[in-house]
């Protein structure tokens, strides 16, 4: 199975599959994980043991998806403003 790694300036996006360790270790690189992959892991936890923490995580991820869906057609500056207003660190 092939994994895609996309380099944008100093941010590395990807599934962190074997073989990318050398890229990830480069100085100044930041790894940006995939929210969809994280959500799938929380879904698994919910199915296995009805985890309330995982349930809350899935609900919070759904909120982020909702914000992105609502911002999709806005100009770049308005999207940024919406994200900053509605998405805060926990």
N, C-alpha and C. Protein backbone atom coordinates (compact mmCIF):
# COMPACT_ATOMS: atom_id res chain seq x y z
N UNK A 1 0.85 -1.17 0.00
CA UNK A 1 0.00 0.00 0.00
C UNK A 1 0.90 1.24 0.00
N UNK A 2 0.62 2.12 -0.89
CA UNK A 2 1.44 3.33 -1.03
C UNK A 2 0.90 4.45 -0.16
N UNK A 3 1.80 5.12 0.56
CA UNK A 3 1.42 6.27 1.39
C UNK A 3 1.96 7.53 0.73
N UNK A 4 1.20 8.59 0.81
CA UNK A 4 1.58 9.86 0.21
C UNK A 4 2.11 10.79 1.28
N UNK A 5 3.25 11.37 1.04
CA UNK A 5 3.80 12.40 1.92
C UNK A 5 3.93 13.66 1.09
N UNK A 6 3.37 14.74 1.58
CA UNK A 6 3.37 16.01 0.87
C UNK A 6 4.21 17.00 1.66
N UNK A 7 5.16 17.64 1.00
CA UNK A 7 6.03 18.60 1.67
C UNK A 7 5.56 20.02 1.33
N UNK A 8 5.24 20.78 2.35
CA UNK A 8 4.85 22.17 2.18
C UNK A 8 5.77 22.97 3.09
N UNK A 9 6.77 23.63 2.47
CA UNK A 9 7.77 24.37 3.23
C UNK A 9 8.42 23.42 4.22
N UNK A 10 8.14 23.55 5.50
CA UNK A 10 8.77 22.68 6.50
C UNK A 10 7.75 21.81 7.23
N UNK A 11 6.59 21.63 6.65
CA UNK A 11 5.56 20.79 7.25
C UNK A 11 5.47 19.49 6.45
N UNK A 12 5.46 18.38 7.15
CA UNK A 12 5.35 17.08 6.49
C UNK A 12 4.00 16.48 6.86
N UNK A 13 3.19 16.20 5.85
CA UNK A 13 1.89 15.59 6.06
C UNK A 13 1.98 14.13 5.63
N UNK A 14 1.41 13.26 6.41
CA UNK A 14 1.42 11.88 5.97
C UNK A 14 1.07 10.91 7.07
N UNK A 15 1.00 9.64 6.68
CA UNK A 15 0.62 8.57 7.59
C UNK A 15 1.77 8.05 8.42
N UNK A 16 2.93 8.64 8.31
CA UNK A 16 4.10 8.24 9.08
C UNK A 16 4.44 6.77 8.86
N UNK A 17 4.34 6.34 7.64
CA UNK A 17 4.68 4.96 7.29
C UNK A 17 6.19 4.77 7.36
N UNK A 18 6.61 3.53 7.49
CA UNK A 18 8.04 3.24 7.51
C UNK A 18 8.68 3.76 6.24
N UNK A 19 9.91 4.21 6.37
CA UNK A 19 10.61 4.74 5.21
C UNK A 19 10.66 6.25 5.18
N UNK A 20 9.84 6.91 6.00
CA UNK A 20 9.82 8.37 6.01
C UNK A 20 10.58 8.95 7.19
N UNK A 21 11.15 8.09 8.04
CA UNK A 21 11.83 8.58 9.24
C UNK A 21 12.92 9.59 8.90
N UNK A 22 13.67 9.36 7.81
CA UNK A 22 14.76 10.27 7.46
C UNK A 22 14.23 11.65 7.10
N UNK A 23 13.08 11.71 6.45
CA UNK A 23 12.48 13.00 6.11
C UNK A 23 11.98 13.70 7.37
N UNK A 24 11.39 12.93 8.27
CA UNK A 24 10.82 13.52 9.48
C UNK A 24 11.90 14.03 10.43
N UNK A 25 13.10 13.48 10.34
CA UNK A 25 14.18 13.89 11.24
C UNK A 25 14.92 15.14 10.75
N UNK A 26 14.63 15.61 9.55
CA UNK A 26 15.31 16.79 9.04
C UNK A 26 15.03 17.98 9.96
N UNK A 27 16.05 18.79 10.15
CA UNK A 27 15.93 19.94 11.05
C UNK A 27 14.81 20.87 10.60
N UNK A 28 14.02 21.30 11.55
CA UNK A 28 12.97 22.27 11.27
C UNK A 28 11.69 21.68 10.71
N UNK A 29 11.60 20.37 10.59
CA UNK A 29 10.38 19.74 10.07
C UNK A 29 9.34 19.61 11.18
N UNK A 30 8.11 19.85 10.83
CA UNK A 30 6.98 19.68 11.73
C UNK A 30 6.08 18.62 11.13
N UNK A 31 5.69 17.64 11.92
CA UNK A 31 4.80 16.60 11.44
C UNK A 31 3.36 17.02 11.71
N UNK A 32 2.55 17.00 10.68
CA UNK A 32 1.12 17.29 10.81
C UNK A 32 0.37 15.98 10.59
N UNK A 33 -0.22 15.47 11.62
CA UNK A 33 -0.95 14.22 11.52
C UNK A 33 -2.27 14.37 10.80
N UNK A 34 -2.84 13.28 10.43
CA UNK A 34 -4.10 13.27 9.70
C UNK A 34 -5.25 13.11 10.68
N UNK A 35 -6.16 14.07 10.70
CA UNK A 35 -7.29 14.04 11.61
C UNK A 35 -8.21 12.86 11.32
N UNK A 36 -8.35 12.50 10.06
CA UNK A 36 -9.20 11.35 9.71
C UNK A 36 -8.64 10.06 10.30
N UNK A 37 -7.32 9.90 10.27
CA UNK A 37 -6.72 8.70 10.85
C UNK A 37 -6.92 8.68 12.37
N UNK A 38 -6.76 9.82 13.00
CA UNK A 38 -6.98 9.90 14.45
C UNK A 38 -8.43 9.57 14.78
N UNK A 39 -9.36 10.09 13.98
CA UNK A 39 -10.78 9.83 14.22
C UNK A 39 -11.08 8.34 14.13
N UNK A 40 -10.49 7.66 13.15
CA UNK A 40 -10.71 6.21 13.01
C UNK A 40 -10.23 5.45 14.26
N UNK A 41 -9.11 5.88 14.83
CA UNK A 41 -8.62 5.23 16.06
C UNK A 41 -9.60 5.44 17.21
N UNK A 42 -10.15 6.64 17.34
CA UNK A 42 -11.14 6.88 18.38
C UNK A 42 -12.40 6.07 18.13
N UNK A 43 -12.82 5.94 16.88
CA UNK A 43 -13.98 5.10 16.55
C UNK A 43 -13.75 3.66 17.01
N UNK A 44 -12.54 3.16 16.79
CA UNK A 44 -12.21 1.80 17.23
C UNK A 44 -12.32 1.66 18.74
N UNK A 45 -11.82 2.67 19.47
CA UNK A 45 -11.93 2.63 20.93
C UNK A 45 -13.38 2.61 21.40
N UNK A 46 -14.22 3.36 20.73
CA UNK A 46 -15.65 3.38 21.08
C UNK A 46 -16.25 2.00 20.88
N UNK A 47 -15.94 1.36 19.75
CA UNK A 47 -16.50 0.04 19.46
C UNK A 47 -16.00 -1.03 20.42
N UNK A 48 -14.73 -0.93 20.82
CA UNK A 48 -14.13 -1.95 21.67
C UNK A 48 -14.58 -1.83 23.12
N UNK A 49 -14.57 -0.62 23.67
CA UNK A 49 -14.87 -0.51 25.11
C UNK A 49 -15.77 0.66 25.50
N UNK A 50 -16.51 1.22 24.56
CA UNK A 50 -17.45 2.31 24.86
C UNK A 50 -16.78 3.47 25.60
N UNK A 51 -15.57 3.81 25.19
CA UNK A 51 -14.79 4.84 25.87
C UNK A 51 -15.47 6.21 25.80
N UNK A 52 -15.77 6.81 26.96
CA UNK A 52 -16.37 8.15 26.95
C UNK A 52 -15.39 9.20 26.45
N UNK A 53 -14.11 9.01 26.70
CA UNK A 53 -13.09 9.95 26.21
C UNK A 53 -13.05 9.91 24.68
N UNK A 54 -13.08 8.71 24.11
CA UNK A 54 -13.08 8.57 22.66
C UNK A 54 -14.35 9.17 22.06
N UNK A 55 -15.47 8.99 22.73
CA UNK A 55 -16.73 9.57 22.26
C UNK A 55 -16.63 11.08 22.21
N UNK A 56 -16.07 11.68 23.25
CA UNK A 56 -15.90 13.13 23.27
C UNK A 56 -14.94 13.58 22.17
N UNK A 57 -13.88 12.82 21.94
CA UNK A 57 -12.92 13.17 20.89
C UNK A 57 -13.60 13.16 19.52
N UNK A 58 -14.41 12.15 19.24
CA UNK A 58 -15.11 12.06 17.95
C UNK A 58 -16.07 13.24 17.80
N UNK A 59 -16.74 13.63 18.87
CA UNK A 59 -17.64 14.78 18.81
C UNK A 59 -16.88 16.07 18.52
N UNK A 60 -15.71 16.23 19.11
CA UNK A 60 -14.91 17.43 18.87
C UNK A 60 -14.36 17.46 17.45
N UNK A 61 -13.97 16.30 16.95
CA UNK A 61 -13.50 16.23 15.57
C UNK A 61 -14.64 16.56 14.61
N UNK A 62 -15.83 16.06 14.91
CA UNK A 62 -17.00 16.38 14.08
C UNK A 62 -17.25 17.88 14.05
N UNK A 63 -17.04 18.56 15.19
CA UNK A 63 -17.19 20.02 15.23
C UNK A 63 -16.19 20.69 14.30
N UNK A 64 -14.95 20.20 14.29
CA UNK A 64 -13.94 20.77 13.39
C UNK A 64 -14.33 20.57 11.93
N UNK A 65 -14.82 19.38 11.62
CA UNK A 65 -15.28 19.12 10.25
C UNK A 65 -16.41 20.06 9.87
N UNK A 66 -17.31 20.33 10.81
CA UNK A 66 -18.44 21.23 10.55
C UNK A 66 -17.95 22.64 10.23
N UNK A 67 -16.98 23.12 11.01
CA UNK A 67 -16.42 24.45 10.77
C UNK A 67 -15.80 24.50 9.37
N UNK A 68 -15.04 23.49 9.02
CA UNK A 68 -14.41 23.46 7.69
C UNK A 68 -15.45 23.42 6.57
N UNK A 69 -16.51 22.66 6.78
CA UNK A 69 -17.57 22.58 5.76
C UNK A 69 -18.24 23.94 5.57
N UNK A 70 -18.50 24.64 6.68
CA UNK A 70 -19.15 25.95 6.60
C UNK A 70 -18.22 27.01 6.01
N UNK A 71 -16.92 26.84 6.18
CA UNK A 71 -15.95 27.83 5.70
C UNK A 71 -15.49 27.57 4.27
N UNK A 72 -15.85 26.44 3.73
CA UNK A 72 -15.32 25.98 2.44
C UNK A 72 -15.38 27.02 1.33
N UNK A 73 -16.49 27.72 1.20
CA UNK A 73 -16.67 28.63 0.07
C UNK A 73 -16.30 30.09 0.39
N UNK A 74 -15.80 30.33 1.57
CA UNK A 74 -15.42 31.70 1.95
C UNK A 74 -14.06 32.07 1.40
N UNK A 75 -13.81 33.36 1.21
CA UNK A 75 -12.45 33.79 0.83
C UNK A 75 -11.46 33.41 1.93
N UNK A 76 -10.20 33.33 1.56
CA UNK A 76 -9.15 32.87 2.48
C UNK A 76 -9.15 33.62 3.81
N UNK A 77 -9.24 34.95 3.77
CA UNK A 77 -9.19 35.74 4.99
C UNK A 77 -10.38 35.43 5.91
N UNK A 78 -11.55 35.25 5.32
CA UNK A 78 -12.74 34.94 6.11
C UNK A 78 -12.67 33.53 6.69
N UNK A 79 -12.11 32.58 5.92
CA UNK A 79 -11.92 31.22 6.45
C UNK A 79 -11.03 31.25 7.67
N UNK A 80 -9.92 31.98 7.57
CA UNK A 80 -9.00 32.09 8.69
C UNK A 80 -9.69 32.70 9.90
N UNK A 81 -10.43 33.77 9.68
CA UNK A 81 -11.14 34.43 10.79
C UNK A 81 -12.14 33.48 11.43
N UNK A 82 -12.86 32.71 10.63
CA UNK A 82 -13.84 31.77 11.17
C UNK A 82 -13.14 30.69 11.99
N UNK A 83 -12.05 30.15 11.46
CA UNK A 83 -11.31 29.12 12.19
C UNK A 83 -10.81 29.66 13.53
N UNK A 84 -10.27 30.87 13.51
CA UNK A 84 -9.74 31.44 14.74
C UNK A 84 -10.84 31.73 15.76
N UNK A 85 -12.01 32.11 15.28
CA UNK A 85 -13.11 32.42 16.18
C UNK A 85 -13.78 31.17 16.74
N UNK A 86 -13.86 30.11 15.94
CA UNK A 86 -14.64 28.94 16.34
C UNK A 86 -13.81 27.72 16.75
N UNK A 87 -12.53 27.72 16.45
CA UNK A 87 -11.66 26.59 16.82
C UNK A 87 -10.61 27.08 17.79
N UNK A 88 -10.70 26.66 19.00
CA UNK A 88 -9.76 27.07 20.04
C UNK A 88 -9.06 25.81 20.58
N UNK A 89 -7.79 25.96 20.97
CA UNK A 89 -7.11 24.82 21.61
C UNK A 89 -7.84 24.41 22.88
N UNK A 90 -7.80 23.16 23.19
CA UNK A 90 -8.47 22.65 24.40
C UNK A 90 -7.64 22.90 25.62
